[in-house]
Amino acid sequence: MVTIAQLSFDTIDLAELEAMAEGERDGLPFGVVGVDHQGTTQVYNRTEAAMAGLDRESVLGSGFFETVAQCMNNFMVAQRFEDEPTLDEIIPYVLTLRMRPTRVRLRLLARAGAPLRFILIER
């Protein structure tokens, strides 16, 4: 059995993220954002909230690409979820909204029929 401490940005899979309780996702050392097919933020772990400087309660239920992370509302991130029903891709990225440009790695995870699509953020 894999423990939370053994999961990494590069190795965690979609099924593991889906099976985790909120507290378990909060224990991960990287940001975890889960959005539904309308782009509404359903998961926003404490790690991401702290690193982004945003209150988790204000982010949950909001349009992630329209309100929270407009810098990801483009062909490299948001559009990929629309174009590719199954996705497991790591991309280098620069976050620019509400902060000085910050280099990160994003991992985009999606599976056809899954209720949520995930964006992992490693700073």
PDB file of N, CA and C in Angstrom:
ATOM      1  N   MET A   1       0.837  -1.180   0.000  1.00  0.00           N
ATOM      2  CA  MET A   1       0.000   0.000   0.000  1.00  0.00           C
ATOM      3  C   MET A   1       0.889   1.254   0.000  1.00  0.00           C
ATOM      4  N   VAL A   2       0.561   2.200  -0.822  1.00  0.00           N
ATOM      5  CA  VAL A   2       1.316   3.444  -0.936  1.00  0.00           C
ATOM      6  C   VAL A   2       0.799   4.440   0.099  1.00  0.00           C
ATOM      7  N   THR A   3       1.721   5.106   0.781  1.00  0.00           N
ATOM      8  CA  THR A   3       1.330   6.118   1.752  1.00  0.00           C
ATOM      9  C   THR A   3       1.403   7.496   1.107  1.00  0.00           C
ATOM     10  N   ILE A   4       0.770   8.472   1.740  1.00  0.00           N
ATOM     11  CA  ILE A   4       0.780   9.849   1.236  1.00  0.00           C
ATOM     12  C   ILE A   4       2.212  10.340   1.083  1.00  0.00           C
ATOM     13  N   ALA A   5       3.070   9.985   2.017  1.00  0.00           N
ATOM     14  CA  ALA A   5       4.465  10.440   1.978  1.00  0.00           C
ATOM     15  C   ALA A   5       5.206   9.901   0.758  1.00  0.00           C
ATOM     16  N   GLN A   6       4.759   8.783   0.200  1.00  0.00           N
ATOM     17  CA  GLN A   6       5.425   8.181  -0.951  1.00  0.00           C
ATOM     18  C   GLN A   6       4.931   8.748  -2.282  1.00  0.00           C
ATOM     19  N   LEU A   7       3.864   9.498  -2.263  1.00  0.00           N
ATOM     20  CA  LEU A   7       3.313  10.045  -3.497  1.00  0.00           C
ATOM     21  C   LEU A   7       4.057  11.316  -3.880  1.00  0.00           C
ATOM     22  N   SER A   8       4.366  11.447  -5.140  1.00  0.00           N
ATOM     23  CA  SER A   8       5.067  12.646  -5.601  1.00  0.00           C
ATOM     24  C   SER A   8       4.316  13.251  -6.778  1.00  0.00           C
ATOM     25  N   PHE A   9       4.685  14.460  -7.112  1.00  0.00           N
ATOM     26  CA  PHE A   9       4.123  15.177  -8.251  1.00  0.00           C
ATOM     27  C   PHE A   9       4.197  14.321  -9.512  1.00  0.00           C
ATOM     28  N   ASP A  10       5.320  13.640  -9.706  1.00  0.00           N
ATOM     29  CA  ASP A  10       5.548  12.857 -10.925  1.00  0.00           C
ATOM     30  C   ASP A  10       4.855  11.503 -10.927  1.00  0.00           C
ATOM     31  N   THR A  11       4.566  10.943  -9.745  1.00  0.00           N
ATOM     32  CA  THR A  11       4.080   9.566  -9.715  1.00  0.00           C
ATOM     33  C   THR A  11       2.613   9.397  -9.339  1.00  0.00           C
ATOM     34  N   ILE A  12       2.008  10.366  -8.667  1.00  0.00           N
ATOM     35  CA  ILE A  12       0.613  10.220  -8.256  1.00  0.00           C
ATOM     36  C   ILE A  12      -0.261  10.077  -9.501  1.00  0.00           C
ATOM     37  N   ASP A  13      -1.289   9.257  -9.415  1.00  0.00           N
ATOM     38  CA  ASP A  13      -2.161   9.124 -10.583  1.00  0.00           C
ATOM     39  C   ASP A  13      -3.571   9.617 -10.262  1.00  0.00           C
ATOM     40  N   LEU A  14      -4.375   9.682 -11.283  1.00  0.00           N
ATOM     41  CA  LEU A  14      -5.720  10.237 -11.151  1.00  0.00           C
ATOM     42  C   LEU A  14      -6.564   9.437 -10.160  1.00  0.00           C
ATOM     43  N   ALA A  15      -6.473   8.123 -10.208  1.00  0.00           N
ATOM     44  CA  ALA A  15      -7.263   7.290  -9.293  1.00  0.00           C
ATOM     45  C   ALA A  15      -6.883   7.565  -7.839  1.00  0.00           C
ATOM     46  N   GLU A  16      -5.593   7.766  -7.568  1.00  0.00           N
ATOM     47  CA  GLU A  16      -5.152   8.068  -6.203  1.00  0.00           C
ATOM     48  C   GLU A  16      -5.704   9.423  -5.741  1.00  0.00           C
ATOM     49  N   LEU A  17      -5.664  10.417  -6.625  1.00  0.00           N
ATOM     50  CA  LEU A  17      -6.212  11.736  -6.276  1.00  0.00           C
ATOM     51  C   LEU A  17      -7.707  11.653  -5.995  1.00  0.00           C
ATOM     52  N   GLU A  18      -8.426  10.923  -6.828  1.00  0.00           N
ATOM     53  CA  GLU A  18      -9.876  10.795  -6.664  1.00  0.00           C
ATOM     54  C   GLU A  18     -10.237  10.086  -5.362  1.00  0.00           C
ATOM     55  N   ALA A  19      -9.416   9.126  -4.941  1.00  0.00           N
ATOM     56  CA  ALA A  19      -9.709   8.331  -3.749  1.00  0.00           C
ATOM     57  C   ALA A  19      -9.340   9.044  -2.450  1.00  0.00           C
ATOM     58  N   MET A  20      -8.554  10.106  -2.530  1.00  0.00           N
ATOM     59  CA  MET A  20      -8.087  10.796  -1.327  1.00  0.00           C
ATOM     60  C   MET A  20      -9.176  11.631  -0.683  1.00  0.00           C
ATOM     61  N   ALA A  21      -9.117  11.672   0.625  1.00  0.00           N
ATOM     62  CA  ALA A  21      -9.951  12.596   1.379  1.00  0.00           C
ATOM     63  C   ALA A  21      -9.303  13.976   1.318  1.00  0.00           C
ATOM     64  N   GLU A  22     -10.082  14.998   1.618  1.00  0.00           N
ATOM     65  CA  GLU A  22      -9.581  16.374   1.579  1.00  0.00           C
ATOM     66  C   GLU A  22      -8.313  16.539   2.418  1.00  0.00           C
ATOM     67  N   GLY A  23      -8.305  15.980   3.613  1.00  0.00           N
ATOM     68  CA  GLY A  23      -7.145  16.091   4.498  1.00  0.00           C
ATOM     69  C   GLY A  23      -5.898  15.449   3.920  1.00  0.00           C
ATOM     70  N   GLU A  24      -6.084  14.372   3.180  1.00  0.00           N
ATOM     71  CA  GLU A  24      -4.936  13.709   2.546  1.00  0.00           C
ATOM     72  C   GLU A  24      -4.359  14.589   1.437  1.00  0.00           C
ATOM     73  N   ARG A  25      -5.230  15.181   0.640  1.00  0.00           N
ATOM     74  CA  ARG A  25      -4.746  16.092  -0.412  1.00  0.00           C
ATOM     75  C   ARG A  25      -4.029  17.286   0.199  1.00  0.00           C
ATOM     76  N   ASP A  26      -4.520  17.749   1.359  1.00  0.00           N
ATOM     77  CA  ASP A  26      -3.880  18.873   2.044  1.00  0.00           C
ATOM     78  C   ASP A  26      -2.462  18.536   2.464  1.00  0.00           C
ATOM     79  N   GLY A  27      -2.155  17.265   2.680  1.00  0.00           N
ATOM     80  CA  GLY A  27      -0.832  16.843   3.107  1.00  0.00           C
ATOM     81  C   GLY A  27       0.183  16.709   1.997  1.00  0.00           C
ATOM     82  N   LEU A  28      -0.254  16.846   0.759  1.00  0.00           N
ATOM     83  CA  LEU A  28       0.680  16.730  -0.361  1.00  0.00           C
ATOM     84  C   LEU A  28       1.551  17.986  -0.446  1.00  0.00           C
ATOM     85  N   PRO A  29       2.820  17.833  -0.849  1.00  0.00           N
ATOM     86  CA  PRO A  29       3.734  18.977  -0.889  1.00  0.00           C
ATOM     87  C   PRO A  29       3.632  19.829  -2.156  1.00  0.00           C
ATOM     88  N   PHE A  30       2.597  19.627  -2.936  1.00  0.00           N
ATOM     89  CA  PHE A  30       2.384  20.394  -4.163  1.00  0.00           C
ATOM     90  C   PHE A  30       0.916  20.784  -4.235  1.00  0.00           C
ATOM     91  N   GLY A  31       0.632  21.785  -5.073  1.00  0.00           N
ATOM     92  CA  GLY A  31      -0.736  22.250  -5.212  1.00  0.00           C
ATOM     93  C   GLY A  31      -1.604  21.252  -5.951  1.00  0.00           C
ATOM     94  N   VAL A  32      -2.846  21.124  -5.513  1.00  0.00           N
ATOM     95  CA  VAL A  32      -3.828  20.258  -6.169  1.00  0.00           C
ATOM     96  C   VAL A  32      -5.097  21.065  -6.376  1.00  0.00           C
ATOM     97  N   VAL A  33      -5.503  21.171  -7.628  1.00  0.00           N
ATOM     98  CA  VAL A  33      -6.738  21.853  -8.002  1.00  0.00           C
ATOM     99  C   VAL A  33      -7.583  20.861  -8.790  1.00  0.00           C
ATOM    100  N   GLY A  34      -8.833  20.711  -8.404  1.00  0.00           N
ATOM    101  CA  GLY A  34      -9.751  19.856  -9.141  1.00  0.00           C
ATOM    102  C   GLY A  34     -10.912  20.694  -9.644  1.00  0.00           C
ATOM    103  N   VAL A  35     -11.170  20.613 -10.941  1.00  0.00           N
ATOM    104  CA  VAL A  35     -12.272  21.366 -11.537  1.00  0.00           C
ATOM    105  C   VAL A  35     -13.231  20.400 -12.220  1.00  0.00           C
ATOM    106  N   ASP A  36     -14.519  20.738 -12.177  1.00  0.00           N
ATOM    107  CA  ASP A  36     -15.494  19.908 -12.871  1.00  0.00           C
ATOM    108  C   ASP A  36     -15.519  20.299 -14.354  1.00  0.00           C
ATOM    109  N   HIS A  37     -16.392  19.694 -15.112  1.00  0.00           N
ATOM    110  CA  HIS A  37     -16.417  19.924 -16.562  1.00  0.00           C
ATOM    111  C   HIS A  37     -16.925  21.308 -16.951  1.00  0.00           C
ATOM    112  N   GLN A  38     -17.484  22.053 -16.001  1.00  0.00           N
ATOM    113  CA  GLN A  38     -17.871  23.437 -16.259  1.00  0.00           C
ATOM    114  C   GLN A  38     -16.756  24.401 -15.847  1.00  0.00           C
ATOM    115  N   GLY A  39     -15.672  23.870 -15.287  1.00  0.00           N
ATOM    116  CA  GLY A  39     -14.553  24.714 -14.862  1.00  0.00           C
ATOM    117  C   GLY A  39     -14.693  25.249 -13.445  1.00  0.00           C
ATOM    118  N   THR A  40     -15.669  24.732 -12.694  1.00  0.00           N
ATOM    119  CA  THR A  40     -15.873  25.173 -11.323  1.00  0.00           C
ATOM    120  C   THR A  40     -14.891  24.460 -10.398  1.00  0.00           C
ATOM    121  N   THR A  41     -14.258  25.216  -9.524  1.00  0.00           N
ATOM    122  CA  THR A  41     -13.261  24.658  -8.609  1.00  0.00           C
ATOM    123  C   THR A  41     -13.960  23.840  -7.526  1.00  0.00           C
ATOM    124  N   GLN A  42     -13.642  22.551  -7.489  1.00  0.00           N
ATOM    125  CA  GLN A  42     -14.223  21.641  -6.496  1.00  0.00           C
ATOM    126  C   GLN A  42     -13.193  21.194  -5.461  1.00  0.00           C
ATOM    127  N   VAL A  43     -11.904  21.228  -5.837  1.00  0.00           N
ATOM    128  CA  VAL A  43     -10.812  20.830  -4.938  1.00  0.00           C
ATOM    129  C   VAL A  43      -9.746  21.912  -5.004  1.00  0.00           C
ATOM    130  N   TYR A  44      -9.287  22.345  -3.844  1.00  0.00           N
ATOM    131  CA  TYR A  44      -8.211  23.344  -3.770  1.00  0.00           C
ATOM    132  C   TYR A  44      -7.476  23.069  -2.468  1.00  0.00           C
ATOM    133  N   ASN A  45      -6.357  22.351  -2.554  1.00  0.00           N
ATOM    134  CA  ASN A  45      -5.722  21.918  -1.307  1.00  0.00           C
ATOM    135  C   ASN A  45      -5.034  23.065  -0.574  1.00  0.00           C
ATOM    136  N   ARG A  46      -4.765  22.827   0.695  1.00  0.00           N
ATOM    137  CA  ARG A  46      -4.160  23.863   1.547  1.00  0.00           C
ATOM    138  C   ARG A  46      -2.779  24.271   1.058  1.00  0.00           C
ATOM    139  N   THR A  47      -2.037  23.340   0.485  1.00  0.00           N
ATOM    140  CA  THR A  47      -0.711  23.669  -0.039  1.00  0.00           C
ATOM    141  C   THR A  47      -0.823  24.738  -1.114  1.00  0.00           C
ATOM    142  N   GLU A  48      -1.751  24.553  -2.044  1.00  0.00           N
ATOM    143  CA  GLU A  48      -1.919  25.537  -3.117  1.00  0.00           C
ATOM    144  C   GLU A  48      -2.439  26.856  -2.563  1.00  0.00           C
ATOM    145  N   ALA A  49      -3.366  26.795  -1.642  1.00  0.00           N
ATOM    146  CA  ALA A  49      -3.904  28.015  -1.042  1.00  0.00           C
ATOM    147  C   ALA A  49      -2.780  28.825  -0.397  1.00  0.00           C
ATOM    148  N   ALA A  50      -1.901  28.155   0.332  1.00  0.00           N
ATOM    149  CA  ALA A  50      -0.792  28.852   0.998  1.00  0.00           C
ATOM    150  C   ALA A  50       0.199  29.412  -0.021  1.00  0.00           C
ATOM    151  N   MET A  51       0.542  28.623  -1.021  1.00  0.00           N
ATOM    152  CA  MET A  51       1.527  29.078  -2.006  1.00  0.00           C
ATOM    153  C   MET A  51       0.991  30.204  -2.890  1.00  0.00           C
ATOM    154  N   ALA A  52      -0.296  30.148  -3.206  1.00  0.00           N
ATOM    155  CA  ALA A  52      -0.892  31.181  -4.051  1.00  0.00           C
ATOM    156  C   ALA A  52      -1.334  32.398  -3.243  1.00  0.00           C
ATOM    157  N   GLY A  53      -1.443  32.230  -1.938  1.00  0.00           N
ATOM    158  CA  GLY A  53      -1.894  33.332  -1.094  1.00  0.00           C
ATOM    159  C   GLY A  53      -3.378  33.614  -1.237  1.00  0.00           C
ATOM    160  N   LEU A  54      -4.157  32.570  -1.546  1.00  0.00           N
ATOM    161  CA  LEU A  54      -5.602  32.724  -1.714  1.00  0.00           C
ATOM    162  C   LEU A  54      -6.337  31.922  -0.653  1.00  0.00           C
ATOM    163  N   ASP A  55      -7.461  32.434  -0.199  1.00  0.00           N
ATOM    164  CA  ASP A  55      -8.297  31.756   0.770  1.00  0.00           C
ATOM    165  C   ASP A  55      -9.055  30.626   0.075  1.00  0.00           C
ATOM    166  N   ARG A  56      -8.865  29.416   0.558  1.00  0.00           N
ATOM    167  CA  ARG A  56      -9.488  28.258  -0.080  1.00  0.00           C
ATOM    168  C   ARG A  56     -11.002  28.406  -0.174  1.00  0.00           C
ATOM    169  N   GLU A  57     -11.633  28.896   0.868  1.00  0.00           N
ATOM    170  CA  GLU A  57     -13.090  29.011   0.871  1.00  0.00           C
ATOM    171  C   GLU A  57     -13.595  29.964  -0.218  1.00  0.00           C
ATOM    172  N   SER A  58     -12.820  30.981  -0.549  1.00  0.00           N
ATOM    173  CA  SER A  58     -13.249  31.903  -1.608  1.00  0.00           C
ATOM    174  C   SER A  58     -13.016  31.321  -2.999  1.00  0.00           C
ATOM    175  N   VAL A  59     -12.122  30.353  -3.102  1.00  0.00           N
ATOM    176  CA  VAL A  59     -11.809  29.733  -4.395  1.00  0.00           C
ATOM    177  C   VAL A  59     -12.803  28.622  -4.726  1.00  0.00           C
ATOM    178  N   LEU A  60     -13.143  27.802  -3.731  1.00  0.00           N
ATOM    179  CA  LEU A  60     -14.073  26.690  -3.976  1.00  0.00           C
ATOM    180  C   LEU A  60     -15.413  27.213  -4.487  1.00  0.00           C
ATOM    181  N   GLY A  61     -15.894  26.596  -5.540  1.00  0.00           N
ATOM    182  CA  GLY A  61     -17.170  26.992  -6.132  1.00  0.00           C
ATOM    183  C   GLY A  61     -17.059  28.089  -7.177  1.00  0.00           C
ATOM    184  N   SER A  62     -15.863  28.622  -7.365  1.00  0.00           N
ATOM    185  CA  SER A  62     -15.690  29.687  -8.366  1.00  0.00           C
ATOM    186  C   SER A  62     -15.160  29.103  -9.675  1.00  0.00           C
ATOM    187  N   GLY A  63     -15.302  29.862 -10.732  1.00  0.00           N
ATOM    188  CA  GLY A  63     -14.775  29.458 -12.022  1.00  0.00           C
ATOM    189  C   GLY A  63     -13.251  29.564 -12.009  1.00  0.00           C
ATOM    190  N   PHE A  64     -12.570  28.435 -12.047  1.00  0.00           N
ATOM    191  CA  PHE A  64     -11.118  28.444 -11.882  1.00  0.00           C
ATOM    192  C   PHE A  64     -10.422  29.247 -12.973  1.00  0.00           C
ATOM    193  N   PHE A  65     -10.733  28.987 -14.225  1.00  0.00           N
ATOM    194  CA  PHE A  65     -10.024  29.639 -15.318  1.00  0.00           C
ATOM    195  C   PHE A  65     -10.488  31.075 -15.561  1.00  0.00           C
ATOM    196  N   GLU A  66     -11.683  31.409 -15.131  1.00  0.00           N
ATOM    197  CA  GLU A  66     -12.203  32.757 -15.320  1.00  0.00           C
ATOM    198  C   GLU A  66     -11.891  33.690 -14.151  1.00  0.00           C
ATOM    199  N   THR A  67     -11.841  33.149 -12.945  1.00  0.00           N
ATOM    200  CA  THR A  67     -11.723  33.972 -11.755  1.00  0.00           C
ATOM    201  C   THR A  67     -10.408  33.791 -11.010  1.00  0.00           C
ATOM    202  N   VAL A  68      -9.997  32.554 -10.801  1.00  0.00           N
ATOM    203  CA  VAL A  68      -8.859  32.246  -9.941  1.00  0.00           C
ATOM    204  C   VAL A  68      -7.537  32.279 -10.699  1.00  0.00           C
ATOM    205  N   ALA A  69      -7.501  31.610 -11.828  1.00  0.00           N
ATOM    206  CA  ALA A  69      -6.243  31.453 -12.570  1.00  0.00           C
ATOM    207  C   ALA A  69      -6.436  31.831 -14.035  1.00  0.00           C
ATOM    208  N   GLN A  70      -6.721  33.090 -14.252  1.00  0.00           N
ATOM    209  CA  GLN A  70      -6.937  33.551 -15.625  1.00  0.00           C
ATOM    210  C   GLN A  70      -5.707  33.327 -16.500  1.00  0.00           C
ATOM    211  N   CYS A  71      -4.528  33.275 -15.893  1.00  0.00           N
ATOM    212  CA  CYS A  71      -3.313  33.059 -16.667  1.00  0.00           C
ATOM    213  C   CYS A  71      -3.234  31.632 -17.224  1.00  0.00           C
ATOM    214  N   MET A  72      -4.120  30.737 -16.776  1.00  0.00           N
ATOM    215  CA  MET A  72      -4.180  29.377 -17.318  1.00  0.00           C
ATOM    216  C   MET A  72      -5.327  29.195 -18.306  1.00  0.00           C
ATOM    217  N   ASN A  73      -6.081  30.253 -18.553  1.00  0.00           N
ATOM    218  CA  ASN A  73      -7.226  30.170 -19.457  1.00  0.00           C
ATOM    219  C   ASN A  73      -6.737  30.373 -20.884  1.00  0.00           C
ATOM    220  N   ASN A  74      -6.040  29.357 -21.395  1.00  0.00           N
ATOM    221  CA  ASN A  74      -5.426  29.443 -22.718  1.00  0.00           C
ATOM    222  C   ASN A  74      -5.319  28.049 -23.332  1.00  0.00           C
ATOM    223  N   PHE A  75      -4.703  27.979 -24.492  1.00  0.00           N
ATOM    224  CA  PHE A  75      -4.586  26.718 -25.216  1.00  0.00           C
ATOM    225  C   PHE A  75      -3.654  25.718 -24.529  1.00  0.00           C
ATOM    226  N   MET A  76      -2.770  26.195 -23.676  1.00  0.00           N
ATOM    227  CA  MET A  76      -1.808  25.301 -23.024  1.00  0.00           C
ATOM    228  C   MET A  76      -2.413  24.545 -21.845  1.00  0.00           C
ATOM    229  N   VAL A  77      -3.432  25.113 -21.203  1.00  0.00           N
ATOM    230  CA  VAL A  77      -3.995  24.484 -20.009  1.00  0.00           C
ATOM    231  C   VAL A  77      -5.496  24.250 -20.192  1.00  0.00           C
ATOM    232  N   ALA A  78      -6.315  25.277 -20.072  1.00  0.00           N
ATOM    233  CA  ALA A  78      -7.774  25.104 -20.093  1.00  0.00           C
ATOM    234  C   ALA A  78      -8.254  24.401 -21.360  1.00  0.00           C
ATOM    235  N   GLN A  79      -7.755  24.810 -22.498  1.00  0.00           N
ATOM    236  CA  GLN A  79      -8.214  24.228 -23.755  1.00  0.00           C
ATOM    237  C   GLN A  79      -7.821  22.764 -23.901  1.00  0.00           C
ATOM    238  N   ARG A  80      -6.707  22.378 -23.287  1.00  0.00           N
ATOM    239  CA  ARG A  80      -6.277  20.975 -23.341  1.00  0.00           C
ATOM    240  C   ARG A  80      -7.330  20.066 -22.730  1.00  0.00           C
ATOM    241  N   PHE A  81      -7.961  20.527 -21.628  1.00  0.00           N
ATOM    242  CA  PHE A  81      -8.998  19.715 -21.000  1.00  0.00           C
ATOM    243  C   PHE A  81     -10.209  19.548 -21.915  1.00  0.00           C
ATOM    244  N   GLU A  82     -10.471  20.551 -22.739  1.00  0.00           N
ATOM    245  CA  GLU A  82     -11.586  20.459 -23.683  1.00  0.00           C
ATOM    246  C   GLU A  82     -11.245  19.559 -24.869  1.00  0.00           C
ATOM    247  N   ASP A  83     -10.014  19.631 -25.323  1.00  0.00           N
ATOM    248  CA  ASP A  83      -9.592  18.912 -26.527  1.00  0.00           C
ATOM    249  C   ASP A  83      -9.176  17.468 -26.285  1.00  0.00           C
ATOM    250  N   GLU A  84      -8.724  17.159 -25.070  1.00  0.00           N
ATOM    251  CA  GLU A  84      -8.176  15.838 -24.785  1.00  0.00           C
ATOM    252  C   GLU A  84      -8.888  15.219 -23.582  1.00  0.00           C
ATOM    253  N   PRO A  85      -9.853  14.321 -23.821  1.00  0.00           N
ATOM    254  CA  PRO A  85     -10.606  13.744 -22.713  1.00  0.00           C
ATOM    255  C   PRO A  85      -9.741  12.921 -21.752  1.00  0.00           C
ATOM    256  N   THR A  86      -8.670  12.335 -22.260  1.00  0.00           N
ATOM    257  CA  THR A  86      -7.726  11.607 -21.418  1.00  0.00           C
ATOM    258  C   THR A  86      -6.400  12.333 -21.497  1.00  0.00           C
ATOM    259  N   LEU A  87      -5.866  12.674 -20.327  1.00  0.00           N
ATOM    260  CA  LEU A  87      -4.690  13.545 -20.299  1.00  0.00           C
ATOM    261  C   LEU A  87      -3.845  13.235 -19.070  1.00  0.00           C
ATOM    262  N   ASP A  88      -2.563  13.097 -19.277  1.00  0.00           N
ATOM    263  CA  ASP A  88      -1.581  13.012 -18.193  1.00  0.00           C
ATOM    264  C   ASP A  88      -0.309  13.619 -18.761  1.00  0.00           C
ATOM    265  N   GLU A  89      -0.150  14.905 -18.535  1.00  0.00           N
ATOM    266  CA  GLU A  89       0.932  15.659 -19.166  1.00  0.00           C
ATOM    267  C   GLU A  89       1.570  16.600 -18.159  1.00  0.00           C
ATOM    268  N   ILE A  90       2.889  16.659 -18.164  1.00  0.00           N
ATOM    269  CA  ILE A  90       3.632  17.622 -17.348  1.00  0.00           C
ATOM    270  C   ILE A  90       4.180  18.684 -18.290  1.00  0.00           C
ATOM    271  N   ILE A  91       3.925  19.951 -17.946  1.00  0.00           N
ATOM    272  CA  ILE A  91       4.418  21.045 -18.779  1.00  0.00           C
ATOM    273  C   ILE A  91       5.088  22.106 -17.910  1.00  0.00           C
ATOM    274  N   PRO A  92       6.159  22.697 -18.415  1.00  0.00           N
ATOM    275  CA  PRO A  92       6.729  23.856 -17.719  1.00  0.00           C
ATOM    276  C   PRO A  92       5.809  25.041 -17.965  1.00  0.00           C
ATOM    277  N   TYR A  93       5.667  25.910 -16.966  1.00  0.00           N
ATOM    278  CA  TYR A  93       4.713  27.011 -17.087  1.00  0.00           C
ATOM    279  C   TYR A  93       5.188  28.184 -16.246  1.00  0.00           C
ATOM    280  N   VAL A  94       4.687  29.366 -16.546  1.00  0.00           N
ATOM    281  CA  VAL A  94       4.980  30.549 -15.753  1.00  0.00           C
ATOM    282  C   VAL A  94       3.660  31.143 -15.293  1.00  0.00           C
ATOM    283  N   LEU A  95       3.453  31.170 -13.978  1.00  0.00           N
ATOM    284  CA  LEU A  95       2.263  31.798 -13.409  1.00  0.00           C
ATOM    285  C   LEU A  95       2.508  33.296 -13.342  1.00  0.00           C
ATOM    286  N   THR A  96       1.489  34.080 -13.729  1.00  0.00           N
ATOM    287  CA  THR A  96       1.683  35.527 -13.795  1.00  0.00           C
ATOM    288  C   THR A  96       0.613  36.338 -13.083  1.00  0.00           C
ATOM    289  N   LEU A  97      -0.500  35.751 -12.757  1.00  0.00           N
ATOM    290  CA  LEU A  97      -1.600  36.505 -12.174  1.00  0.00           C
ATOM    291  C   LEU A  97      -1.381  36.728 -10.685  1.00  0.00           C
ATOM    292  N   ARG A  98      -1.556  37.940 -10.203  1.00  0.00           N
ATOM    293  CA  ARG A  98      -1.479  38.299  -8.788  1.00  0.00           C
ATOM    294  C   ARG A  98      -0.106  38.055  -8.157  1.00  0.00           C
ATOM    295  N   MET A  99       0.914  37.899  -8.963  1.00  0.00           N
ATOM    296  CA  MET A  99       2.251  37.630  -8.416  1.00  0.00           C
ATOM    297  C   MET A  99       3.286  37.982  -9.467  1.00  0.00           C
ATOM    298  N   ARG A 100       4.511  38.088  -9.042  1.00  0.00           N
ATOM    299  CA  ARG A 100       5.550  38.252 -10.051  1.00  0.00           C
ATOM    300  C   ARG A 100       5.657  36.928 -10.788  1.00  0.00           C
ATOM    301  N   PRO A 101       6.107  36.926 -12.031  1.00  0.00           N
ATOM    302  CA  PRO A 101       6.187  35.667 -12.788  1.00  0.00           C
ATOM    303  C   PRO A 101       6.921  34.581 -11.997  1.00  0.00           C
ATOM    304  N   THR A 102       6.279  33.430 -11.894  1.00  0.00           N
ATOM    305  CA  THR A 102       6.799  32.318 -11.105  1.00  0.00           C
ATOM    306  C   THR A 102       6.849  31.066 -11.971  1.00  0.00           C
ATOM    307  N   ARG A 103       8.051  30.533 -12.140  1.00  0.00           N
ATOM    308  CA  ARG A 103       8.200  29.289 -12.904  1.00  0.00           C
ATOM    309  C   ARG A 103       7.696  28.111 -12.082  1.00  0.00           C
ATOM    310  N   VAL A 104       6.877  27.280 -12.721  1.00  0.00           N
ATOM    311  CA  VAL A 104       6.321  26.091 -12.079  1.00  0.00           C
ATOM    312  C   VAL A 104       6.308  24.950 -13.090  1.00  0.00           C
ATOM    313  N   ARG A 105       5.972  23.785 -12.583  1.00  0.00           N
ATOM    314  CA  ARG A 105       5.608  22.670 -13.462  1.00  0.00           C
ATOM    315  C   ARG A 105       4.149  22.371 -13.179  1.00  0.00           C
ATOM    316  N   LEU A 106       3.383  22.192 -14.232  1.00  0.00           N
ATOM    317  CA  LEU A 106       1.979  21.806 -14.103  1.00  0.00           C
ATOM    318  C   LEU A 106       1.840  20.371 -14.576  1.00  0.00           C
ATOM    319  N   ARG A 107       0.993  19.648 -13.902  1.00  0.00           N
ATOM    320  CA  ARG A 107       0.631  18.311 -14.377  1.00  0.00           C
ATOM    321  C   ARG A 107      -0.872  18.315 -14.584  1.00  0.00           C
ATOM    322  N   LEU A 108      -1.286  18.037 -15.795  1.00  0.00           N
ATOM    323  CA  LEU A 108      -2.697  18.029 -16.171  1.00  0.00           C
ATOM    324  C   LEU A 108      -3.168  16.585 -16.210  1.00  0.00           C
ATOM    325  N   LEU A 109      -4.206  16.276 -15.448  1.00  0.00           N
ATOM    326  CA  LEU A 109      -4.727  14.912 -15.352  1.00  0.00           C
ATOM    327  C   LEU A 109      -6.223  14.899 -15.631  1.00  0.00           C
ATOM    328  N   ALA A 110      -6.621  14.059 -16.562  1.00  0.00           N
ATOM    329  CA  ALA A 110      -8.045  13.911 -16.875  1.00  0.00           C
ATOM    330  C   ALA A 110      -8.277  12.520 -17.459  1.00  0.00           C
ATOM    331  N   ARG A 111      -9.496  12.035 -17.277  1.00  0.00           N
ATOM    332  CA  ARG A 111      -9.899  10.754 -17.850  1.00  0.00           C
ATOM    333  C   ARG A 111     -11.335  10.906 -18.334  1.00  0.00           C
ATOM    334  N   ALA A 112     -11.622  10.424 -19.502  1.00  0.00           N
ATOM    335  CA  ALA A 112     -12.983  10.494 -20.034  1.00  0.00           C
ATOM    336  C   ALA A 112     -13.945   9.869 -19.024  1.00  0.00           C
ATOM    337  N   GLY A 113     -15.006  10.569 -18.706  1.00  0.00           N
ATOM    338  CA  GLY A 113     -16.013  10.082 -17.779  1.00  0.00           C
ATOM    339  C   GLY A 113     -15.750  10.408 -16.320  1.00  0.00           C
ATOM    340  N   ALA A 114     -14.533  10.864 -15.993  1.00  0.00           N
ATOM    341  CA  ALA A 114     -14.228  11.226 -14.598  1.00  0.00           C
ATOM    342  C   ALA A 114     -14.918  12.547 -14.276  1.00  0.00           C
ATOM    343  N   PRO A 115     -15.435  12.705 -13.061  1.00  0.00           N
ATOM    344  CA  PRO A 115     -16.151  13.934 -12.719  1.00  0.00           C
ATOM    345  C   PRO A 115     -15.252  15.161 -12.592  1.00  0.00           C
ATOM    346  N   LEU A 116     -13.966  14.954 -12.241  1.00  0.00           N
ATOM    347  CA  LEU A 116     -13.051  16.080 -12.065  1.00  0.00           C
ATOM    348  C   LEU A 116     -11.812  15.927 -12.931  1.00  0.00           C
ATOM    349  N   ARG A 117     -11.266  17.073 -13.284  1.00  0.00           N
ATOM    350  CA  ARG A 117      -9.976  17.163 -13.960  1.00  0.00           C
ATOM    351  C   ARG A 117      -9.051  17.829 -12.963  1.00  0.00           C
ATOM    352  N   PHE A 118      -7.800  17.377 -12.899  1.00  0.00           N
ATOM    353  CA  PHE A 118      -6.882  17.905 -11.898  1.00  0.00           C
ATOM    354  C   PHE A 118      -5.719  18.650 -12.525  1.00  0.00           C
ATOM    355  N   ILE A 119      -5.319  19.700 -11.846  1.00  0.00           N
ATOM    356  CA  ILE A 119      -4.094  20.444 -12.162  1.00  0.00           C
ATOM    357  C   ILE A 119      -3.225  20.363 -10.923  1.00  0.00           C
ATOM    358  N   LEU A 120      -2.047  19.790 -11.071  1.00  0.00           N
ATOM    359  CA  LEU A 120      -1.073  19.758  -9.986  1.00  0.00           C
ATOM    360  C   LEU A 120      -0.058  20.854 -10.261  1.00  0.00           C
ATOM    361  N   ILE A 121       0.376  21.542  -9.219  1.00  0.00           N
ATOM    362  CA  ILE A 121       1.288  22.675  -9.379  1.00  0.00           C
ATOM    363  C   ILE A 121       2.493  22.471  -8.470  1.00  0.00           C
ATOM    364  N   GLU A 122       3.651  22.344  -9.100  1.00  0.00           N
ATOM    365  CA  GLU A 122       4.905  22.184  -8.349  1.00  0.00           C
ATOM    366  C   GLU A 122       5.737  23.435  -8.517  1.00  0.00           C
ATOM    367  N   ARG A 123       6.009  24.092  -7.389  1.00  0.00           N
ATOM    368  CA  ARG A 123       6.813  25.311  -7.403  1.00  0.00           C
ATOM    369  C   ARG A 123       8.233  24.981  -7.043  1.00  0.00           C
TER     370      ARG A 123
END
